[in-house]
Amino acid sequence: MNVKSVDVVVLPNIYCGEEESGPRFRVEPPFRIEFSNSSGAEVRCSADGAPPLRISWQNREGANARDIPGIRYMRSDGTLVFPPFSREDYRQDVHDTLYQCLASNNVGAIISKETHVRGG
C-alpha cells in the first residue's frame, strides 16, 4: 500500500466580512428615566461591533432583566420597554430600580453606566 503525505492546514475561526472589533456604544442609556404609569417609557441602548452584538439588560443585582408580560420587555433593537401599566401592576423591583445595558460579542463586552428607572 502506497501512502502519500498530505499537508494539513488549520485555519483559525474567521469572521467573513468586516474586520473583528469589540463593542462600542452608539447610544448609551441616560442616568435617569422617570415616567408615569399611564405613559410608560423606553430606554434606548445600541452599540456597534463585528461580529454582530448581543444586547441585554441587567438589574441592580446583576441578573438578566427578563421579559415580564405587560410590565417590561426588550425589543430586538436593544430598547428596554416599560409599557403603560395599572397602579396594581406596579413593582418596585421593576419600576424603581437600577439597570445597565450589556453589549457583547466574541471579541469582548461592555456595560453601560447605571440608569435609574422610576415609574409610577
N, C-alpha and C. Protein backbone atom coordinates (compact mmCIF):
# COMPACT_ATOMS: atom_id res chain seq x y z
N MET A 1 0.84 -1.16 0.00
CA MET A 1 0.00 0.00 0.00
C MET A 1 0.89 1.23 0.00
N ASN A 2 0.56 2.14 -0.87
CA ASN A 2 1.35 3.36 -1.05
C ASN A 2 0.62 4.52 -0.39
N VAL A 3 1.22 5.18 0.62
CA VAL A 3 0.59 6.28 1.33
C VAL A 3 1.31 7.57 1.00
N LYS A 4 0.56 8.57 0.58
CA LYS A 4 1.14 9.88 0.28
C LYS A 4 1.02 10.77 1.50
N SER A 5 1.99 11.60 1.72
CA SER A 5 1.86 12.55 2.82
C SER A 5 1.04 13.74 2.34
N VAL A 6 0.25 14.23 3.23
CA VAL A 6 -0.64 15.35 2.91
C VAL A 6 -0.39 16.46 3.93
N ASP A 7 -0.20 17.68 3.42
CA ASP A 7 -0.05 18.81 4.32
C ASP A 7 -1.43 19.20 4.84
N VAL A 8 -1.51 19.44 6.13
CA VAL A 8 -2.76 19.84 6.75
C VAL A 8 -2.62 21.29 7.19
N VAL A 9 -3.59 22.09 6.81
CA VAL A 9 -3.59 23.49 7.20
C VAL A 9 -4.78 23.71 8.12
N VAL A 10 -4.51 24.22 9.31
CA VAL A 10 -5.57 24.52 10.26
C VAL A 10 -5.79 26.03 10.24
N LEU A 11 -7.02 26.41 9.95
CA LEU A 11 -7.37 27.83 9.91
C LEU A 11 -8.08 28.22 11.19
N PRO A 12 -7.75 29.37 11.76
CA PRO A 12 -8.47 29.83 12.94
C PRO A 12 -9.89 30.22 12.54
N ASN A 13 -10.76 30.37 13.54
CA ASN A 13 -12.11 30.86 13.24
C ASN A 13 -11.99 32.22 12.58
N ILE A 14 -12.61 32.36 11.45
CA ILE A 14 -12.53 33.60 10.69
C ILE A 14 -13.93 34.15 10.50
N TYR A 15 -14.09 35.42 10.83
CA TYR A 15 -15.36 36.11 10.59
C TYR A 15 -15.30 36.69 9.20
N CYS A 16 -16.16 36.22 8.32
CA CYS A 16 -16.17 36.71 6.94
C CYS A 16 -16.90 38.04 6.90
N GLY A 17 -16.36 38.96 6.21
CA GLY A 17 -16.98 40.28 6.11
C GLY A 17 -16.06 41.32 6.68
N GLU A 18 -16.52 41.98 7.73
CA GLU A 18 -15.76 43.06 8.33
C GLU A 18 -14.63 42.53 9.21
N GLU A 19 -13.71 43.42 9.51
CA GLU A 19 -12.68 43.09 10.48
C GLU A 19 -13.34 43.02 11.85
N GLU A 20 -12.88 42.10 12.69
CA GLU A 20 -13.48 41.96 14.01
C GLU A 20 -13.19 43.17 14.89
N SER A 21 -14.18 43.57 15.67
CA SER A 21 -13.99 44.66 16.62
C SER A 21 -14.92 44.46 17.81
N GLY A 22 -14.44 44.83 18.96
CA GLY A 22 -15.24 44.75 20.17
C GLY A 22 -16.34 45.79 20.16
N PRO A 23 -17.28 45.66 21.06
CA PRO A 23 -18.41 46.58 21.10
C PRO A 23 -18.03 47.99 21.54
N ARG A 24 -18.75 48.97 20.96
CA ARG A 24 -18.65 50.38 21.36
C ARG A 24 -20.07 50.94 21.35
N PHE A 25 -20.43 51.65 22.42
CA PHE A 25 -21.77 52.20 22.48
C PHE A 25 -21.98 53.27 21.43
N ARG A 26 -23.10 53.19 20.76
CA ARG A 26 -23.56 54.24 19.86
C ARG A 26 -24.55 55.13 20.61
N VAL A 27 -25.46 54.51 21.36
CA VAL A 27 -26.40 55.22 22.23
C VAL A 27 -26.35 54.53 23.58
N GLU A 28 -25.88 55.27 24.59
CA GLU A 28 -25.83 54.74 25.95
C GLU A 28 -27.03 55.29 26.71
N PRO A 29 -27.64 54.48 27.58
CA PRO A 29 -28.82 54.97 28.30
C PRO A 29 -28.49 56.15 29.21
N PRO A 30 -29.48 57.02 29.46
CA PRO A 30 -29.25 58.18 30.32
C PRO A 30 -29.13 57.76 31.79
N PHE A 31 -28.72 58.69 32.62
CA PHE A 31 -28.55 58.45 34.06
C PHE A 31 -29.89 58.15 34.73
N ARG A 32 -30.95 58.86 34.32
CA ARG A 32 -32.26 58.72 34.99
C ARG A 32 -33.38 58.76 33.96
N ILE A 33 -34.38 57.90 34.17
CA ILE A 33 -35.61 57.89 33.38
C ILE A 33 -36.77 57.91 34.38
N GLU A 34 -37.63 58.93 34.28
CA GLU A 34 -38.82 59.00 35.11
C GLU A 34 -40.04 59.03 34.20
N PHE A 35 -41.06 58.28 34.58
CA PHE A 35 -42.26 58.20 33.75
C PHE A 35 -43.47 57.88 34.62
N SER A 36 -44.65 58.15 34.08
CA SER A 36 -45.88 57.83 34.80
C SER A 36 -46.38 56.47 34.34
N ASN A 37 -47.23 55.88 35.16
CA ASN A 37 -47.77 54.58 34.78
C ASN A 37 -48.66 54.67 33.54
N SER A 38 -49.20 55.85 33.26
CA SER A 38 -50.07 55.99 32.09
C SER A 38 -49.30 56.22 30.79
N SER A 39 -48.04 56.64 30.90
CA SER A 39 -47.26 56.91 29.68
C SER A 39 -46.31 55.77 29.33
N GLY A 40 -45.75 55.09 30.32
CA GLY A 40 -44.72 54.09 30.04
C GLY A 40 -43.43 54.79 29.63
N ALA A 41 -42.42 54.00 29.27
CA ALA A 41 -41.12 54.57 28.87
C ALA A 41 -40.33 53.57 28.05
N GLU A 42 -39.37 54.13 27.31
CA GLU A 42 -38.44 53.32 26.54
C GLU A 42 -37.03 53.78 26.89
N VAL A 43 -36.13 52.83 27.17
CA VAL A 43 -34.74 53.15 27.48
C VAL A 43 -33.89 52.56 26.36
N ARG A 44 -33.27 53.45 25.59
CA ARG A 44 -32.52 53.02 24.41
C ARG A 44 -31.08 52.67 24.75
N CYS A 45 -30.58 51.66 24.04
CA CYS A 45 -29.18 51.27 24.13
C CYS A 45 -28.81 50.62 22.81
N SER A 46 -27.75 51.10 22.18
CA SER A 46 -27.27 50.46 20.95
C SER A 46 -25.76 50.57 20.90
N ALA A 47 -25.16 49.63 20.19
CA ALA A 47 -23.71 49.57 20.10
C ALA A 47 -23.32 49.01 18.74
N ASP A 48 -22.08 49.27 18.36
CA ASP A 48 -21.52 48.74 17.12
C ASP A 48 -20.42 47.76 17.45
N GLY A 49 -20.21 46.80 16.56
CA GLY A 49 -19.14 45.84 16.71
C GLY A 49 -19.27 44.76 15.64
N ALA A 50 -18.21 44.01 15.45
CA ALA A 50 -18.23 42.93 14.48
C ALA A 50 -17.45 41.75 15.06
N PRO A 51 -17.97 40.56 15.05
CA PRO A 51 -19.28 40.18 14.54
C PRO A 51 -20.41 40.87 15.31
N PRO A 52 -21.65 40.70 14.81
CA PRO A 52 -22.79 41.39 15.41
C PRO A 52 -22.88 41.16 16.92
N LEU A 53 -23.46 42.14 17.58
CA LEU A 53 -23.52 42.14 19.03
C LEU A 53 -24.81 41.54 19.56
N ARG A 54 -24.75 41.14 20.81
CA ARG A 54 -25.94 40.77 21.56
C ARG A 54 -26.12 41.83 22.63
N ILE A 55 -27.31 42.41 22.70
CA ILE A 55 -27.63 43.42 23.71
C ILE A 55 -28.52 42.76 24.76
N SER A 56 -28.21 43.01 26.03
CA SER A 56 -29.06 42.54 27.11
C SER A 56 -29.06 43.60 28.21
N TRP A 57 -29.96 43.45 29.15
CA TRP A 57 -30.08 44.38 30.27
C TRP A 57 -29.94 43.61 31.56
N GLN A 58 -29.28 44.25 32.54
CA GLN A 58 -29.12 43.66 33.86
C GLN A 58 -29.79 44.56 34.89
N ASN A 59 -30.31 43.93 35.95
CA ASN A 59 -30.89 44.72 37.04
C ASN A 59 -29.82 45.04 38.08
N ARG A 60 -30.23 45.66 39.15
CA ARG A 60 -29.32 46.10 40.21
C ARG A 60 -28.45 44.96 40.75
N GLU A 61 -28.99 43.76 40.80
CA GLU A 61 -28.26 42.61 41.33
C GLU A 61 -27.36 41.94 40.29
N GLY A 62 -27.39 42.40 39.06
CA GLY A 62 -26.57 41.82 38.00
C GLY A 62 -27.24 40.66 37.27
N ALA A 63 -28.50 40.40 37.58
CA ALA A 63 -29.25 39.34 36.89
C ALA A 63 -29.85 39.90 35.60
N ASN A 64 -30.03 39.04 34.61
CA ASN A 64 -30.67 39.47 33.36
C ASN A 64 -32.09 39.96 33.63
N ALA A 65 -32.42 41.10 33.05
CA ALA A 65 -33.77 41.66 33.16
C ALA A 65 -34.64 40.96 32.12
N ARG A 66 -35.34 39.95 32.55
CA ARG A 66 -36.16 39.14 31.63
C ARG A 66 -37.48 39.83 31.34
N ASP A 67 -38.08 39.43 30.24
CA ASP A 67 -39.39 39.95 29.87
C ASP A 67 -40.43 39.55 30.93
N ILE A 68 -41.28 40.50 31.27
CA ILE A 68 -42.42 40.26 32.15
C ILE A 68 -43.64 40.78 31.39
N PRO A 69 -44.49 39.87 30.88
CA PRO A 69 -45.61 40.29 30.03
C PRO A 69 -46.41 41.44 30.64
N GLY A 70 -46.59 42.50 29.84
CA GLY A 70 -47.36 43.66 30.25
C GLY A 70 -46.63 44.62 31.18
N ILE A 71 -45.43 44.26 31.63
CA ILE A 71 -44.70 45.06 32.61
C ILE A 71 -43.37 45.58 32.05
N ARG A 72 -42.59 44.67 31.43
CA ARG A 72 -41.26 45.04 30.91
C ARG A 72 -40.86 44.04 29.82
N TYR A 73 -40.30 44.56 28.73
CA TYR A 73 -39.75 43.67 27.69
C TYR A 73 -38.65 44.39 26.94
N MET A 74 -37.84 43.63 26.22
CA MET A 74 -36.77 44.20 25.42
C MET A 74 -37.09 43.98 23.94
N ARG A 75 -37.00 45.07 23.16
CA ARG A 75 -37.20 44.96 21.72
C ARG A 75 -35.93 44.43 21.07
N SER A 76 -36.05 43.99 19.85
CA SER A 76 -34.90 43.42 19.13
C SER A 76 -33.79 44.44 18.87
N ASP A 77 -34.11 45.74 18.93
CA ASP A 77 -33.08 46.77 18.72
C ASP A 77 -32.33 47.12 20.01
N GLY A 78 -32.63 46.41 21.12
CA GLY A 78 -31.94 46.65 22.37
C GLY A 78 -32.64 47.62 23.31
N THR A 79 -33.78 48.15 22.91
CA THR A 79 -34.52 49.10 23.74
C THR A 79 -35.28 48.35 24.83
N LEU A 80 -35.14 48.80 26.07
CA LEU A 80 -35.89 48.25 27.20
C LEU A 80 -37.19 49.04 27.30
N VAL A 81 -38.31 48.35 27.26
CA VAL A 81 -39.63 49.00 27.19
C VAL A 81 -40.43 48.70 28.46
N PHE A 82 -40.98 49.78 29.01
CA PHE A 82 -41.91 49.70 30.14
C PHE A 82 -43.24 50.24 29.63
N PRO A 83 -44.16 49.35 29.23
CA PRO A 83 -45.44 49.84 28.71
C PRO A 83 -46.29 50.46 29.82
N PRO A 84 -47.30 51.25 29.46
CA PRO A 84 -48.20 51.77 30.48
C PRO A 84 -48.77 50.61 31.31
N PHE A 85 -48.98 50.86 32.61
CA PHE A 85 -49.44 49.80 33.49
C PHE A 85 -50.42 50.38 34.51
N SER A 86 -51.23 49.51 35.08
CA SER A 86 -52.17 49.95 36.11
C SER A 86 -51.42 50.07 37.44
N ARG A 87 -51.97 50.87 38.33
CA ARG A 87 -51.33 51.05 39.64
C ARG A 87 -51.15 49.72 40.38
N GLU A 88 -52.08 48.80 40.16
CA GLU A 88 -51.99 47.49 40.81
C GLU A 88 -50.81 46.66 40.29
N ASP A 89 -50.34 46.97 39.09
CA ASP A 89 -49.23 46.21 38.50
C ASP A 89 -47.87 46.81 38.82
N TYR A 90 -47.84 47.88 39.60
CA TYR A 90 -46.56 48.50 39.97
C TYR A 90 -45.71 47.50 40.74
N ARG A 91 -44.41 47.42 40.36
CA ARG A 91 -43.46 46.56 41.06
C ARG A 91 -42.19 47.37 41.31
N GLN A 92 -41.84 47.53 42.56
CA GLN A 92 -40.65 48.32 42.89
C GLN A 92 -39.40 47.72 42.26
N ASP A 93 -39.29 46.40 42.24
CA ASP A 93 -38.10 45.75 41.67
C ASP A 93 -37.99 45.93 40.16
N VAL A 94 -39.05 46.42 39.51
CA VAL A 94 -39.05 46.66 38.06
C VAL A 94 -39.12 48.15 37.76
N HIS A 95 -40.02 48.85 38.46
CA HIS A 95 -40.33 50.24 38.13
C HIS A 95 -39.54 51.29 38.91
N ASP A 96 -38.76 50.88 39.89
CA ASP A 96 -37.96 51.84 40.67
C ASP A 96 -36.64 51.16 41.06
N THR A 97 -35.79 51.01 40.08
CA THR A 97 -34.52 50.30 40.32
C THR A 97 -33.47 50.73 39.30
N LEU A 98 -32.30 50.14 39.41
CA LEU A 98 -31.19 50.44 38.51
C LEU A 98 -31.06 49.36 37.45
N TYR A 99 -30.72 49.78 36.23
CA TYR A 99 -30.47 48.87 35.13
C TYR A 99 -29.15 49.25 34.47
N GLN A 100 -28.53 48.27 33.80
CA GLN A 100 -27.35 48.52 32.98
C GLN A 100 -27.50 47.74 31.69
N CYS A 101 -27.06 48.34 30.60
CA CYS A 101 -27.08 47.72 29.29
C CYS A 101 -25.74 47.01 29.06
N LEU A 102 -25.80 45.79 28.57
CA LEU A 102 -24.61 44.99 28.29
C LEU A 102 -24.58 44.67 26.80
N ALA A 103 -23.48 45.02 26.13
CA ALA A 103 -23.29 44.69 24.71
C ALA A 103 -22.09 43.76 24.61
N SER A 104 -22.26 42.64 23.91
CA SER A 104 -21.16 41.67 23.84
C SER A 104 -21.14 40.94 22.50
N ASN A 105 -19.95 40.52 22.13
CA ASN A 105 -19.73 39.59 21.02
C ASN A 105 -18.53 38.74 21.40
N ASN A 106 -18.02 37.91 20.48
CA ASN A 106 -16.92 37.04 20.86
C ASN A 106 -15.59 37.79 21.00
N VAL A 107 -15.55 39.07 20.67
CA VAL A 107 -14.34 39.87 20.82
C VAL A 107 -14.28 40.50 22.21
N GLY A 108 -15.44 40.86 22.78
CA GLY A 108 -15.44 41.49 24.09
C GLY A 108 -16.83 41.87 24.55
N ALA A 109 -16.88 42.58 25.66
CA ALA A 109 -18.15 43.01 26.24
C ALA A 109 -17.95 44.36 26.93
N ILE A 110 -19.01 45.18 26.91
CA ILE A 110 -19.01 46.46 27.63
C ILE A 110 -20.33 46.57 28.38
N ILE A 111 -20.30 47.33 29.45
CA ILE A 111 -21.51 47.55 30.23
C ILE A 111 -21.68 49.06 30.44
N SER A 112 -22.91 49.53 30.34
CA SER A 112 -23.20 50.95 30.45
C SER A 112 -23.13 51.40 31.91
N LYS A 113 -23.14 52.71 32.08
CA LYS A 113 -23.31 53.26 33.42
C LYS A 113 -24.71 52.89 33.91
N GLU A 114 -24.95 53.03 35.19
CA GLU A 114 -26.26 52.70 35.74
C GLU A 114 -27.32 53.71 35.30
N THR A 115 -28.50 53.20 35.02
CA THR A 115 -29.65 54.03 34.70
C THR A 115 -30.71 53.78 35.77
N HIS A 116 -31.11 54.86 36.44
CA HIS A 116 -32.16 54.72 37.45
C HIS A 116 -33.50 54.92 36.79
N VAL A 117 -34.31 53.86 36.75
CA VAL A 117 -35.64 53.91 36.18
C VAL A 117 -36.62 54.10 37.33
N ARG A 118 -37.50 55.09 37.16
CA ARG A 118 -38.51 55.34 38.19
C ARG A 118 -39.84 55.62 37.52
N GLY A 119 -40.77 54.70 37.68
CA GLY A 119 -42.09 54.86 37.11
C GLY A 119 -43.14 54.73 38.20
N GLY A 120 -44.25 55.38 37.98
CA GLY A 120 -45.32 55.27 38.98
C GLY A 120 -46.46 56.19 38.70
